[in-house]
Amino acid sequence: MAAPSSDRRRKQPGPRDERKSRTRRGLLDAALARLSGEQSFSSLSLREVTKDAGVVPAAFYRHFPTMEALGMSLVEESFATLRGLMREVRSEPLPTTHLIRQSVDTFLEYVLEHELHFRFIAKERYGGSSTMRMAIRQEIRLFTSELATDLARMPRLATVSSADLQLISSLVVQTIIAASELALDARPDDASELPRIADEAERKLQIILLGAAVWRSDQSR
């Protein structure tokens, strides 16, 4: 008797898997919708989320062990795709000024396309539970470290120490996060506000990177 082929042995997603995926997505989206206003994640109840998602409370535990685990998933998915996008931008062989502007535009465009995620991040970054705040800080640290690795490859920054590259990257990331929070609060009836936010962020980043290019790490001692 012939052995089953690898294609037959490989489990294909079925209707049950698709339903499970849809339910999980529904729970995440229901939480985000609730958090789009003034409500904080710490005040969000499991019953509210399951009611809005159209499932019974017991079904929640098939996807998340706790509400905190759901929150952690929201944090992770908010940053994961964004890091990939920014890596793609930084890999393109553009002049520095063009790269800065493209990075700003890419970041702000992504934030606005995922407005609910980033309103959640902005709110929980300072006012959420300690676990949520730590998770967000960890994502920002990872974002910062990846940028520092990229900056280390630039010949003009060859004399800058790893520790100082981390500081420079932190300044860059904090600048772009501040711009994203301003973009989320931009008035939709003012067409000039978003370009103004992007222009200001670009100028700040140019100042940071121009200063970094002439910095010598032994100056800090």
C-alpha atoms as a PDB file:
ATOM      1  CA  MET A   1       0.000   0.000   0.000  1.00  0.00           C
ATOM      2  CA  ALA A   2       1.425   3.349  -0.991  1.00  0.00           C
ATOM      3  CA  ALA A   3       2.312   5.793   1.769  1.00  0.00           C
ATOM      4  CA  PRO A   4       0.129   8.879   1.880  1.00  0.00           C
ATOM      5  CA  SER A   5       1.667  11.833   0.095  1.00  0.00           C
ATOM      6  CA  SER A   6       2.938  14.829   2.017  1.00  0.00           C
ATOM      7  CA  ASP A   7       0.119  16.865   0.449  1.00  0.00           C
ATOM      8  CA  ARG A   8      -2.467  14.494   1.893  1.00  0.00           C
ATOM      9  CA  ARG A   9      -0.797  14.434   5.308  1.00  0.00           C
ATOM     10  CA  ARG A  10      -0.637  18.213   5.464  1.00  0.00           C
ATOM     11  CA  LYS A  11      -3.721  19.496   7.189  1.00  0.00           C
ATOM     12  CA  GLN A  12      -5.630  22.012   5.126  1.00  0.00           C
ATOM     13  CA  PRO A  13      -7.572  24.825   6.808  1.00  0.00           C
ATOM     14  CA  GLY A  14     -11.199  23.809   7.051  1.00  0.00           C
ATOM     15  CA  PRO A  15     -14.450  25.603   7.830  1.00  0.00           C
ATOM     16  CA  ARG A  16     -13.838  25.136  11.559  1.00  0.00           C
ATOM     17  CA  ASP A  17     -10.421  26.813  11.348  1.00  0.00           C
ATOM     18  CA  GLU A  18     -11.898  29.667   9.343  1.00  0.00           C
ATOM     19  CA  ARG A  19     -14.678  30.157  11.882  1.00  0.00           C
ATOM     20  CA  LYS A  20     -12.144  30.141  14.692  1.00  0.00           C
ATOM     21  CA  SER A  21     -10.030  32.733  12.907  1.00  0.00           C
ATOM     22  CA  ARG A  22     -13.079  34.925  12.252  1.00  0.00           C
ATOM     23  CA  THR A  23     -14.157  34.700  15.892  1.00  0.00           C
ATOM     24  CA  ARG A  24     -10.700  35.661  17.137  1.00  0.00           C
ATOM     25  CA  ARG A  25     -10.615  38.596  14.725  1.00  0.00           C
ATOM     26  CA  GLY A  26     -14.095  39.581  15.841  1.00  0.00           C
ATOM     27  CA  LEU A  27     -13.011  39.688  19.486  1.00  0.00           C
ATOM     28  CA  LEU A  28      -9.994  41.857  18.672  1.00  0.00           C
ATOM     29  CA  ASP A  29     -12.069  44.212  16.525  1.00  0.00           C
ATOM     30  CA  ALA A  30     -14.800  44.462  19.168  1.00  0.00           C
ATOM     31  CA  ALA A  31     -12.209  45.458  21.779  1.00  0.00           C
ATOM     32  CA  LEU A  32     -10.696  48.064  19.448  1.00  0.00           C
ATOM     33  CA  ALA A  33     -14.109  49.545  18.676  1.00  0.00           C
ATOM     34  CA  ARG A  34     -14.888  49.876  22.386  1.00  0.00           C
ATOM     35  CA  LEU A  35     -11.528  51.561  22.965  1.00  0.00           C
ATOM     36  CA  SER A  36     -11.993  54.119  20.187  1.00  0.00           C
ATOM     37  CA  GLY A  37     -13.665  56.491  22.640  1.00  0.00           C
ATOM     38  CA  GLU A  38     -12.718  57.390  26.176  1.00  0.00           C
ATOM     39  CA  GLN A  39     -12.861  53.862  27.600  1.00  0.00           C
ATOM     40  CA  SER A  40      -9.540  52.400  28.731  1.00  0.00           C
ATOM     41  CA  PHE A  41      -8.530  48.785  28.315  1.00  0.00           C
ATOM     42  CA  SER A  42      -8.428  48.224  32.084  1.00  0.00           C
ATOM     43  CA  SER A  43     -12.132  49.127  32.302  1.00  0.00           C
ATOM     44  CA  LEU A  44     -13.102  46.886  29.387  1.00  0.00           C
ATOM     45  CA  SER A  45     -14.984  43.765  30.413  1.00  0.00           C
ATOM     46  CA  LEU A  46     -14.977  40.349  28.810  1.00  0.00           C
ATOM     47  CA  ARG A  47     -18.787  40.456  28.594  1.00  0.00           C
ATOM     48  CA  GLU A  48     -18.705  43.743  26.679  1.00  0.00           C
ATOM     49  CA  VAL A  49     -16.234  42.345  24.160  1.00  0.00           C
ATOM     50  CA  THR A  50     -18.038  39.040  23.626  1.00  0.00           C
ATOM     51  CA  LYS A  51     -21.421  40.743  23.339  1.00  0.00           C
ATOM     52  CA  ASP A  52     -20.122  43.098  20.650  1.00  0.00           C
ATOM     53  CA  ALA A  53     -18.382  40.202  18.866  1.00  0.00           C
ATOM     54  CA  GLY A  54     -21.615  38.180  18.915  1.00  0.00           C
ATOM     55  CA  VAL A  55     -20.275  35.204  20.881  1.00  0.00           C
ATOM     56  CA  VAL A  56     -20.982  33.768  24.312  1.00  0.00           C
ATOM     57  CA  PRO A  57     -18.466  34.603  27.094  1.00  0.00           C
ATOM     58  CA  ALA A  58     -17.291  30.984  27.287  1.00  0.00           C
ATOM     59  CA  ALA A  59     -16.153  31.172  23.657  1.00  0.00           C
ATOM     60  CA  PHE A  60     -13.643  33.874  24.569  1.00  0.00           C
ATOM     61  CA  TYR A  61     -11.402  31.365  26.369  1.00  0.00           C
ATOM     62  CA  ARG A  62     -10.957  29.300  23.220  1.00  0.00           C
ATOM     63  CA  HIS A  63      -8.913  32.206  21.864  1.00  0.00           C
ATOM     64  CA  PHE A  64      -7.439  34.086  24.825  1.00  0.00           C
ATOM     65  CA  PRO A  65      -6.743  32.883  28.376  1.00  0.00           C
ATOM     66  CA  THR A  66      -7.356  36.363  29.812  1.00  0.00           C
ATOM     67  CA  MET A  67      -8.384  39.862  28.734  1.00  0.00           C
ATOM     68  CA  GLU A  68      -4.767  40.872  29.232  1.00  0.00           C
ATOM     69  CA  ALA A  69      -3.724  38.304  26.618  1.00  0.00           C
ATOM     70  CA  LEU A  70      -6.163  39.905  24.182  1.00  0.00           C
ATOM     71  CA  GLY A  71      -4.593  43.296  24.914  1.00  0.00           C
ATOM     72  CA  MET A  72      -1.109  41.898  24.336  1.00  0.00           C
ATOM     73  CA  SER A  73      -2.243  40.570  20.944  1.00  0.00           C
ATOM     74  CA  LEU A  74      -3.467  44.050  20.027  1.00  0.00           C
ATOM     75  CA  VAL A  75      -0.091  45.530  20.978  1.00  0.00           C
ATOM     76  CA  GLU A  76       1.823  42.919  18.974  1.00  0.00           C
ATOM     77  CA  GLU A  77      -0.227  43.284  15.807  1.00  0.00           C
ATOM     78  CA  SER A  78      -0.079  47.099  16.024  1.00  0.00           C
ATOM     79  CA  PHE A  79       3.721  47.045  15.748  1.00  0.00           C
ATOM     80  CA  ALA A  80       4.565  43.882  13.787  1.00  0.00           C
ATOM     81  CA  THR A  81       3.520  45.009  10.309  1.00  0.00           C
ATOM     82  CA  LEU A  82       4.765  48.527  10.968  1.00  0.00           C
ATOM     83  CA  ARG A  83       8.303  47.301  11.728  1.00  0.00           C
ATOM     84  CA  GLY A  84       8.297  45.385   8.461  1.00  0.00           C
ATOM     85  CA  LEU A  85       7.151  48.432   6.508  1.00  0.00           C
ATOM     86  CA  MET A  86       9.826  50.633   8.027  1.00  0.00           C
ATOM     87  CA  ARG A  87      12.516  48.022   7.306  1.00  0.00           C
ATOM     88  CA  GLU A  88      11.467  48.091   3.641  1.00  0.00           C
ATOM     89  CA  VAL A  89      11.708  51.883   3.548  1.00  0.00           C
ATOM     90  CA  ARG A  90      15.164  51.900   5.142  1.00  0.00           C
ATOM     91  CA  SER A  91      16.434  49.251   2.703  1.00  0.00           C
ATOM     92  CA  GLU A  92      15.814  51.473  -0.319  1.00  0.00           C
ATOM     93  CA  PRO A  93      18.903  53.288  -1.705  1.00  0.00           C
ATOM     94  CA  LEU A  94      17.555  56.830  -1.379  1.00  0.00           C
ATOM     95  CA  PRO A  95      19.400  59.988  -0.354  1.00  0.00           C
ATOM     96  CA  THR A  96      19.070  60.663   3.374  1.00  0.00           C
ATOM     97  CA  THR A  97      16.647  63.578   3.016  1.00  0.00           C
ATOM     98  CA  HIS A  98      14.367  61.534   0.763  1.00  0.00           C
ATOM     99  CA  LEU A  99      14.616  58.546   3.089  1.00  0.00           C
ATOM    100  CA  ILE A 100      13.611  60.670   6.075  1.00  0.00           C
ATOM    101  CA  ARG A 101      10.546  62.044   4.319  1.00  0.00           C
ATOM    102  CA  GLN A 102       9.515  58.666   2.974  1.00  0.00           C
ATOM    103  CA  SER A 103       9.874  57.126   6.443  1.00  0.00           C
ATOM    104  CA  VAL A 104       7.721  59.875   7.978  1.00  0.00           C
ATOM    105  CA  ASP A 105       5.050  59.550   5.290  1.00  0.00           C
ATOM    106  CA  THR A 106       5.027  55.740   5.505  1.00  0.00           C
ATOM    107  CA  PHE A 107       4.724  55.794   9.279  1.00  0.00           C
ATOM    108  CA  LEU A 108       1.928  58.385   9.399  1.00  0.00           C
ATOM    109  CA  GLU A 109       0.030  56.728   6.557  1.00  0.00           C
ATOM    110  CA  TYR A 110       0.172  53.388   8.364  1.00  0.00           C
ATOM    111  CA  VAL A 111      -0.940  54.948  11.650  1.00  0.00           C
ATOM    112  CA  LEU A 112      -3.948  56.606  10.029  1.00  0.00           C
ATOM    113  CA  GLU A 113      -4.903  53.420   8.181  1.00  0.00           C
ATOM    114  CA  HIS A 114      -4.827  51.590  11.539  1.00  0.00           C
ATOM    115  CA  GLU A 115      -6.282  54.406  13.582  1.00  0.00           C
ATOM    116  CA  LEU A 116      -8.041  52.228  16.162  1.00  0.00           C
ATOM    117  CA  HIS A 117      -4.859  50.281  16.921  1.00  0.00           C
ATOM    118  CA  PHE A 118      -2.811  53.412  17.459  1.00  0.00           C
ATOM    119  CA  ARG A 119      -5.433  55.224  19.485  1.00  0.00           C
ATOM    120  CA  PHE A 120      -5.323  52.167  21.714  1.00  0.00           C
ATOM    121  CA  ILE A 121      -1.493  52.333  21.873  1.00  0.00           C
ATOM    122  CA  ALA A 122      -1.480  56.086  22.582  1.00  0.00           C
ATOM    123  CA  LYS A 123      -3.994  55.642  25.382  1.00  0.00           C
ATOM    124  CA  GLU A 124      -2.413  52.589  26.997  1.00  0.00           C
ATOM    125  CA  ARG A 125       1.177  53.819  26.660  1.00  0.00           C
ATOM    126  CA  TYR A 126       0.799  55.977  29.756  1.00  0.00           C
ATOM    127  CA  GLY A 127      -2.532  55.159  31.357  1.00  0.00           C
ATOM    128  CA  GLY A 128      -2.952  51.416  30.945  1.00  0.00           C
ATOM    129  CA  SER A 129      -2.092  48.504  33.172  1.00  0.00           C
ATOM    130  CA  SER A 130       1.566  48.005  34.049  1.00  0.00           C
ATOM    131  CA  THR A 131       1.683  44.846  31.913  1.00  0.00           C
ATOM    132  CA  MET A 132       0.307  46.696  28.903  1.00  0.00           C
ATOM    133  CA  ARG A 133       2.663  49.632  29.396  1.00  0.00           C
ATOM    134  CA  MET A 134       5.638  47.270  29.618  1.00  0.00           C
ATOM    135  CA  ALA A 135       4.550  45.458  26.442  1.00  0.00           C
ATOM    136  CA  ILE A 136       4.300  48.738  24.533  1.00  0.00           C
ATOM    137  CA  ARG A 137       7.701  49.865  25.855  1.00  0.00           C
ATOM    138  CA  GLN A 138       9.201  46.556  24.751  1.00  0.00           C
ATOM    139  CA  GLU A 139       7.835  47.020  21.228  1.00  0.00           C
ATOM    140  CA  ILE A 140       9.229  50.568  21.119  1.00  0.00           C
ATOM    141  CA  ARG A 141      12.612  49.298  22.364  1.00  0.00           C
ATOM    142  CA  LEU A 142      12.627  46.673  19.617  1.00  0.00           C
ATOM    143  CA  PHE A 143      11.749  49.319  17.036  1.00  0.00           C
ATOM    144  CA  THR A 144      14.580  51.494  18.403  1.00  0.00           C
ATOM    145  CA  SER A 145      17.136  48.660  18.390  1.00  0.00           C
ATOM    146  CA  GLU A 146      16.343  47.745  14.780  1.00  0.00           C
ATOM    147  CA  LEU A 147      16.845  51.372  13.756  1.00  0.00           C
ATOM    148  CA  ALA A 148      20.143  51.540  15.684  1.00  0.00           C
ATOM    149  CA  THR A 149      21.350  48.461  13.777  1.00  0.00           C
ATOM    150  CA  ASP A 150      20.551  50.180  10.487  1.00  0.00           C
ATOM    151  CA  LEU A 151      22.256  53.420  11.541  1.00  0.00           C
ATOM    152  CA  ALA A 152      25.412  51.499  12.476  1.00  0.00           C
ATOM    153  CA  ARG A 153      25.824  50.565   8.792  1.00  0.00           C
ATOM    154  CA  MET A 154      26.051  54.216   7.726  1.00  0.00           C
ATOM    155  CA  PRO A 155      29.689  55.268   7.094  1.00  0.00           C
ATOM    156  CA  ARG A 156      29.034  58.761   8.475  1.00  0.00           C
ATOM    157  CA  LEU A 157      28.135  57.243  11.849  1.00  0.00           C
ATOM    158  CA  ALA A 158      31.163  54.953  12.052  1.00  0.00           C
ATOM    159  CA  THR A 159      32.623  56.882  15.014  1.00  0.00           C
ATOM    160  CA  VAL A 160      29.410  56.707  17.055  1.00  0.00           C
ATOM    161  CA  SER A 161      29.306  54.073  19.782  1.00  0.00           C
ATOM    162  CA  SER A 162      26.554  51.480  20.034  1.00  0.00           C
ATOM    163  CA  ALA A 163      25.219  53.143  23.166  1.00  0.00           C
ATOM    164  CA  ASP A 164      25.025  56.518  21.436  1.00  0.00           C
ATOM    165  CA  LEU A 165      23.375  54.970  18.384  1.00  0.00           C
ATOM    166  CA  GLN A 166      20.681  53.671  20.709  1.00  0.00           C
ATOM    167  CA  LEU A 167      20.195  57.207  22.077  1.00  0.00           C
ATOM    168  CA  ILE A 168      20.004  58.667  18.577  1.00  0.00           C
ATOM    169  CA  SER A 169      17.518  55.990  17.522  1.00  0.00           C
ATOM    170  CA  SER A 170      15.433  56.681  20.606  1.00  0.00           C
ATOM    171  CA  LEU A 171      15.247  60.374  19.665  1.00  0.00           C
ATOM    172  CA  VAL A 172      14.141  59.421  16.153  1.00  0.00           C
ATOM    173  CA  VAL A 173      11.477  56.988  17.376  1.00  0.00           C
ATOM    174  CA  GLN A 174      10.123  59.382  20.008  1.00  0.00           C
ATOM    175  CA  THR A 175       9.884  62.110  17.365  1.00  0.00           C
ATOM    176  CA  ILE A 176       7.894  59.928  14.989  1.00  0.00           C
ATOM    177  CA  ILE A 177       5.633  58.621  17.757  1.00  0.00           C
ATOM    178  CA  ALA A 178       4.875  62.191  18.817  1.00  0.00           C
ATOM    179  CA  ALA A 179       4.035  63.025  15.192  1.00  0.00           C
ATOM    180  CA  SER A 180       1.717  60.008  14.966  1.00  0.00           C
ATOM    181  CA  GLU A 181      -0.183  61.123  18.082  1.00  0.00           C
ATOM    182  CA  LEU A 182      -0.594  64.596  16.577  1.00  0.00           C
ATOM    183  CA  ALA A 183      -1.795  63.025  13.321  1.00  0.00           C
ATOM    184  CA  LEU A 184      -4.454  61.028  15.154  1.00  0.00           C
ATOM    185  CA  ASP A 185      -5.814  64.260  16.627  1.00  0.00           C
ATOM    186  CA  ALA A 186      -5.594  66.250  13.393  1.00  0.00           C
ATOM    187  CA  ARG A 187      -8.796  67.977  12.377  1.00  0.00           C
ATOM    188  CA  PRO A 188     -10.327  66.289   9.306  1.00  0.00           C
ATOM    189  CA  ASP A 189     -11.574  69.664   8.019  1.00  0.00           C
ATOM    190  CA  ASP A 190      -8.057  71.138   7.891  1.00  0.00           C
ATOM    191  CA  ALA A 191      -6.240  69.757   4.832  1.00  0.00           C
ATOM    192  CA  SER A 192      -3.017  71.545   5.763  1.00  0.00           C
ATOM    193  CA  GLU A 193      -2.616  70.029   9.228  1.00  0.00           C
ATOM    194  CA  LEU A 194      -1.238  66.597   8.295  1.00  0.00           C
ATOM    195  CA  PRO A 195       1.369  67.977   5.846  1.00  0.00           C
ATOM    196  CA  ARG A 196       2.399  70.465   8.548  1.00  0.00           C
ATOM    197  CA  ILE A 197       2.846  67.656  11.074  1.00  0.00           C
ATOM    198  CA  ALA A 198       4.908  65.650   8.563  1.00  0.00           C
ATOM    199  CA  ASP A 199       7.051  68.687   7.659  1.00  0.00           C
ATOM    200  CA  GLU A 200       7.812  69.389  11.313  1.00  0.00           C
ATOM    201  CA  ALA A 201       8.691  65.757  12.011  1.00  0.00           C
ATOM    202  CA  GLU A 202      10.962  65.722   8.948  1.00  0.00           C
ATOM    203  CA  ARG A 203      12.827  68.837  10.096  1.00  0.00           C
ATOM    204  CA  LYS A 204      13.300  67.430  13.590  1.00  0.00           C
ATOM    205  CA  LEU A 205      14.696  64.192  12.176  1.00  0.00           C
ATOM    206  CA  GLN A 206      17.048  66.067   9.865  1.00  0.00           C
ATOM    207  CA  ILE A 207      18.404  68.019  12.846  1.00  0.00           C
ATOM    208  CA  ILE A 208      18.867  64.815  14.855  1.00  0.00           C
ATOM    209  CA  LEU A 209      20.663  62.984  12.044  1.00  0.00           C
ATOM    210  CA  LEU A 210      22.785  65.959  11.010  1.00  0.00           C
ATOM    211  CA  GLY A 211      23.942  66.260  14.612  1.00  0.00           C
ATOM    212  CA  ALA A 212      24.596  62.516  14.749  1.00  0.00           C
ATOM    213  CA  ALA A 213      26.816  62.745  11.648  1.00  0.00           C
ATOM    214  CA  VAL A 214      29.279  65.068  13.404  1.00  0.00           C
ATOM    215  CA  TRP A 215      29.001  63.488  16.850  1.00  0.00           C
ATOM    216  CA  ARG A 216      32.021  61.752  18.355  1.00  0.00           C
ATOM    217  CA  SER A 217      31.178  59.397  21.146  1.00  0.00           C
ATOM    218  CA  ASP A 218      34.262  60.359  23.174  1.00  0.00           C
ATOM    219  CA  GLN A 219      32.766  63.867  23.441  1.00  0.00           C
ATOM    220  CA  SER A 220      30.207  62.518  25.879  1.00  0.00           C
ATOM    221  CA  ARG A 221      32.825  61.683  28.491  1.00  0.00           C
END
